[in-house]
């Protein structure tokens, strides 16, 4: 399942590459855990999730998929607490 992370460069020297790598690995793991088994019931396809933001801030999720209903269900799953 494609998960695309577009992380913007840190604006502060406190954010080292090693810390960013750990944060990104955890973010990927959490996304995969929430949606890894999700496949469109109609078309049999997986979603693509693009995450954009800076480490240490809120991330924006952009979901693409084969149909609106499936995209909506993936977004709902990602937003669950």
N, C-alpha and C. Protein backbone atom coordinates (compact mmCIF):
# COMPACT_ATOMS: atom_id res chain seq x y z
N UNK A 1 0.85 -1.16 0.00
CA UNK A 1 0.00 0.00 0.00
C UNK A 1 0.90 1.22 0.00
N UNK A 2 0.73 2.12 -0.95
CA UNK A 2 1.59 3.30 -1.00
C UNK A 2 1.24 4.30 0.10
N UNK A 3 2.25 4.71 0.83
CA UNK A 3 2.12 5.79 1.80
C UNK A 3 3.21 6.78 1.46
N UNK A 4 2.82 7.95 1.01
CA UNK A 4 3.76 8.96 0.58
C UNK A 4 3.86 10.02 1.65
N UNK A 5 5.06 10.27 2.13
CA UNK A 5 5.27 11.28 3.16
C UNK A 5 6.01 12.45 2.54
N UNK A 6 5.42 13.62 2.59
CA UNK A 6 6.07 14.83 2.12
C UNK A 6 6.34 15.69 3.34
N UNK A 7 7.48 15.50 3.93
CA UNK A 7 7.83 16.22 5.14
C UNK A 7 8.67 17.42 4.76
N UNK A 8 8.23 18.57 5.17
CA UNK A 8 8.94 19.80 4.86
C UNK A 8 10.17 19.93 5.73
N UNK A 9 11.21 20.59 5.25
CA UNK A 9 12.43 20.74 6.05
C UNK A 9 12.16 21.44 7.37
N UNK A 10 12.90 21.06 8.37
CA UNK A 10 12.76 21.66 9.69
C UNK A 10 13.18 23.12 9.63
N UNK A 11 12.50 23.94 10.38
CA UNK A 11 12.84 25.36 10.42
C UNK A 11 13.72 25.66 11.62
N UNK A 12 14.05 24.64 12.36
CA UNK A 12 14.77 24.81 13.61
C UNK A 12 15.87 23.75 13.69
N UNK A 13 17.06 24.15 14.10
CA UNK A 13 18.19 23.23 14.15
C UNK A 13 18.01 22.13 15.19
N UNK A 14 17.04 22.29 16.10
CA UNK A 14 16.81 21.27 17.14
C UNK A 14 16.32 19.94 16.56
N UNK A 15 15.74 20.01 15.38
CA UNK A 15 15.20 18.79 14.75
C UNK A 15 16.30 18.11 13.95
N UNK A 16 16.91 17.13 14.52
CA UNK A 16 17.98 16.41 13.86
C UNK A 16 17.41 15.32 12.96
N UNK A 17 18.21 14.89 12.01
CA UNK A 17 17.78 13.86 11.06
C UNK A 17 17.37 12.56 11.75
N UNK A 18 18.06 12.18 12.79
CA UNK A 18 17.74 10.93 13.49
C UNK A 18 16.37 11.00 14.15
N UNK A 19 16.05 12.12 14.75
CA UNK A 19 14.75 12.29 15.40
C UNK A 19 13.65 12.28 14.36
N UNK A 20 13.88 12.99 13.25
CA UNK A 20 12.88 13.01 12.18
C UNK A 20 12.64 11.61 11.63
N UNK A 21 13.70 10.84 11.47
CA UNK A 21 13.55 9.47 10.96
C UNK A 21 12.69 8.62 11.91
N UNK A 22 12.91 8.76 13.20
CA UNK A 22 12.10 8.01 14.17
C UNK A 22 10.64 8.42 14.12
N UNK A 23 10.40 9.71 14.03
CA UNK A 23 9.03 10.21 13.95
C UNK A 23 8.34 9.70 12.69
N UNK A 24 9.04 9.75 11.57
CA UNK A 24 8.45 9.29 10.31
C UNK A 24 8.19 7.79 10.32
N UNK A 25 9.09 7.02 10.89
CA UNK A 25 8.86 5.58 11.01
C UNK A 25 7.62 5.29 11.84
N UNK A 26 7.47 6.00 12.94
CA UNK A 26 6.29 5.81 13.79
C UNK A 26 5.02 6.23 13.06
N UNK A 27 5.07 7.32 12.31
CA UNK A 27 3.90 7.77 11.55
C UNK A 27 3.51 6.73 10.51
N UNK A 28 4.47 6.21 9.77
CA UNK A 28 4.18 5.16 8.79
C UNK A 28 3.56 3.94 9.46
N UNK A 29 4.12 3.54 10.60
CA UNK A 29 3.61 2.37 11.32
C UNK A 29 2.15 2.57 11.74
N UNK A 30 1.86 3.77 12.29
CA UNK A 30 0.49 4.05 12.73
C UNK A 30 -0.49 4.06 11.56
N UNK A 31 -0.09 4.65 10.43
CA UNK A 31 -0.97 4.68 9.26
C UNK A 31 -1.21 3.26 8.77
N UNK A 32 -0.15 2.50 8.62
CA UNK A 32 -0.31 1.12 8.14
C UNK A 32 -1.19 0.30 9.07
N UNK A 33 -1.00 0.46 10.38
CA UNK A 33 -1.79 -0.30 11.35
C UNK A 33 -3.28 0.01 11.19
N UNK A 34 -3.61 1.27 10.95
CA UNK A 34 -5.02 1.66 10.85
C UNK A 34 -5.68 1.22 9.54
N UNK A 35 -4.92 1.21 8.45
CA UNK A 35 -5.57 0.96 7.16
C UNK A 35 -4.99 -0.20 6.36
N UNK A 36 -4.10 -0.99 6.96
CA UNK A 36 -3.41 -2.03 6.20
C UNK A 36 -4.34 -3.06 5.57
N UNK A 37 -5.45 -3.34 6.17
CA UNK A 37 -6.36 -4.34 5.63
C UNK A 37 -7.48 -3.73 4.79
N UNK A 38 -7.45 -2.43 4.60
CA UNK A 38 -8.53 -1.78 3.87
C UNK A 38 -8.34 -1.94 2.36
N UNK A 39 -9.35 -2.54 1.76
CA UNK A 39 -9.40 -2.72 0.31
C UNK A 39 -10.82 -2.40 -0.10
N UNK A 40 -10.98 -1.67 -1.19
CA UNK A 40 -12.32 -1.31 -1.66
C UNK A 40 -13.12 -2.59 -1.93
N UNK A 41 -14.31 -2.67 -1.35
CA UNK A 41 -15.16 -3.84 -1.52
C UNK A 41 -15.69 -3.96 -2.95
N UNK A 42 -15.77 -2.84 -3.65
CA UNK A 42 -16.31 -2.83 -5.02
C UNK A 42 -15.22 -3.11 -6.05
N UNK A 43 -14.07 -2.43 -5.90
CA UNK A 43 -13.04 -2.47 -6.94
C UNK A 43 -11.80 -3.28 -6.56
N UNK A 44 -11.67 -3.68 -5.29
CA UNK A 44 -10.55 -4.50 -4.86
C UNK A 44 -9.21 -3.78 -4.84
N UNK A 45 -9.23 -2.45 -4.72
CA UNK A 45 -8.00 -1.67 -4.75
C UNK A 45 -7.69 -1.08 -3.38
N UNK A 46 -6.39 -0.82 -3.16
CA UNK A 46 -5.93 -0.20 -1.92
C UNK A 46 -5.86 1.31 -2.08
N UNK A 47 -5.89 2.04 -0.95
CA UNK A 47 -5.77 3.50 -1.02
C UNK A 47 -4.31 3.94 -1.12
N UNK A 48 -4.12 5.18 -1.52
CA UNK A 48 -2.82 5.83 -1.44
C UNK A 48 -2.97 6.98 -0.46
N UNK A 49 -2.08 7.06 0.51
CA UNK A 49 -2.14 8.11 1.53
C UNK A 49 -0.89 8.97 1.40
N UNK A 50 -1.10 10.27 1.26
CA UNK A 50 -0.01 11.23 1.24
C UNK A 50 -0.13 12.07 2.50
N UNK A 51 0.97 12.19 3.23
CA UNK A 51 0.99 12.95 4.47
C UNK A 51 1.93 14.13 4.27
N UNK A 52 1.45 15.31 4.63
CA UNK A 52 2.27 16.51 4.46
C UNK A 52 2.30 17.28 5.78
N UNK A 53 3.46 17.79 6.12
CA UNK A 53 3.59 18.58 7.33
C UNK A 53 5.02 18.62 7.81
N UNK A 54 5.22 19.25 8.93
CA UNK A 54 6.53 19.32 9.56
C UNK A 54 6.54 18.43 10.80
N UNK A 55 7.69 17.83 11.04
CA UNK A 55 7.84 17.01 12.23
C UNK A 55 7.54 17.88 13.45
N UNK A 56 6.71 17.36 14.34
CA UNK A 56 6.37 18.10 15.54
C UNK A 56 5.14 18.96 15.41
N UNK A 57 4.49 18.95 14.25
CA UNK A 57 3.27 19.72 14.05
C UNK A 57 2.17 18.78 13.58
N UNK A 58 1.02 19.33 13.32
CA UNK A 58 -0.09 18.54 12.81
C UNK A 58 0.17 18.19 11.34
N UNK A 59 -0.21 16.97 10.95
CA UNK A 59 -0.03 16.52 9.58
C UNK A 59 -1.36 16.56 8.84
N UNK A 60 -1.28 16.84 7.56
CA UNK A 60 -2.46 16.79 6.70
C UNK A 60 -2.41 15.50 5.90
N UNK A 61 -3.51 14.76 5.90
CA UNK A 61 -3.61 13.51 5.17
C UNK A 61 -4.40 13.74 3.89
N UNK A 62 -3.88 13.26 2.78
CA UNK A 62 -4.61 13.30 1.51
C UNK A 62 -4.74 11.86 1.04
N UNK A 63 -5.97 11.43 0.86
CA UNK A 63 -6.24 10.04 0.49
C UNK A 63 -6.79 10.01 -0.93
N UNK A 64 -6.23 9.13 -1.74
CA UNK A 64 -6.78 8.89 -3.07
C UNK A 64 -7.13 7.41 -3.16
N UNK A 65 -8.13 7.15 -3.98
CA UNK A 65 -8.59 5.78 -4.13
C UNK A 65 -9.48 5.67 -5.35
N UNK A 66 -10.01 4.50 -5.53
CA UNK A 66 -10.78 4.20 -6.73
C UNK A 66 -12.17 4.83 -6.76
N UNK A 67 -12.73 5.13 -5.58
CA UNK A 67 -14.07 5.72 -5.56
C UNK A 67 -14.25 6.57 -4.30
N UNK A 68 -15.20 7.46 -4.36
CA UNK A 68 -15.45 8.41 -3.28
C UNK A 68 -15.80 7.72 -1.97
N UNK A 69 -16.62 6.70 -2.04
CA UNK A 69 -17.05 6.01 -0.81
C UNK A 69 -15.85 5.37 -0.10
N UNK A 70 -14.95 4.78 -0.87
CA UNK A 70 -13.78 4.15 -0.27
C UNK A 70 -12.85 5.20 0.32
N UNK A 71 -12.61 6.29 -0.39
CA UNK A 71 -11.76 7.37 0.12
C UNK A 71 -12.33 7.90 1.43
N UNK A 72 -13.63 8.08 1.48
CA UNK A 72 -14.29 8.56 2.70
C UNK A 72 -14.08 7.61 3.87
N UNK A 73 -14.17 6.32 3.62
CA UNK A 73 -14.00 5.35 4.71
C UNK A 73 -12.54 5.30 5.19
N UNK A 74 -11.59 5.48 4.29
CA UNK A 74 -10.18 5.51 4.68
C UNK A 74 -9.91 6.75 5.52
N UNK A 75 -10.42 7.91 5.09
CA UNK A 75 -10.23 9.14 5.86
C UNK A 75 -10.83 9.00 7.26
N UNK A 76 -11.99 8.41 7.34
CA UNK A 76 -12.64 8.20 8.64
C UNK A 76 -11.76 7.35 9.53
N UNK A 77 -11.20 6.28 8.98
CA UNK A 77 -10.34 5.38 9.76
C UNK A 77 -9.08 6.10 10.23
N UNK A 78 -8.50 6.95 9.40
CA UNK A 78 -7.30 7.68 9.77
C UNK A 78 -7.57 8.70 10.89
N UNK A 79 -8.78 9.23 10.92
CA UNK A 79 -9.11 10.26 11.91
C UNK A 79 -9.59 9.69 13.24
N UNK A 80 -9.77 8.38 13.31
CA UNK A 80 -10.20 7.76 14.56
C UNK A 80 -9.15 7.97 15.64
N UNK A 81 -9.58 8.10 16.87
CA UNK A 81 -8.64 8.21 17.99
C UNK A 81 -8.30 6.86 18.55
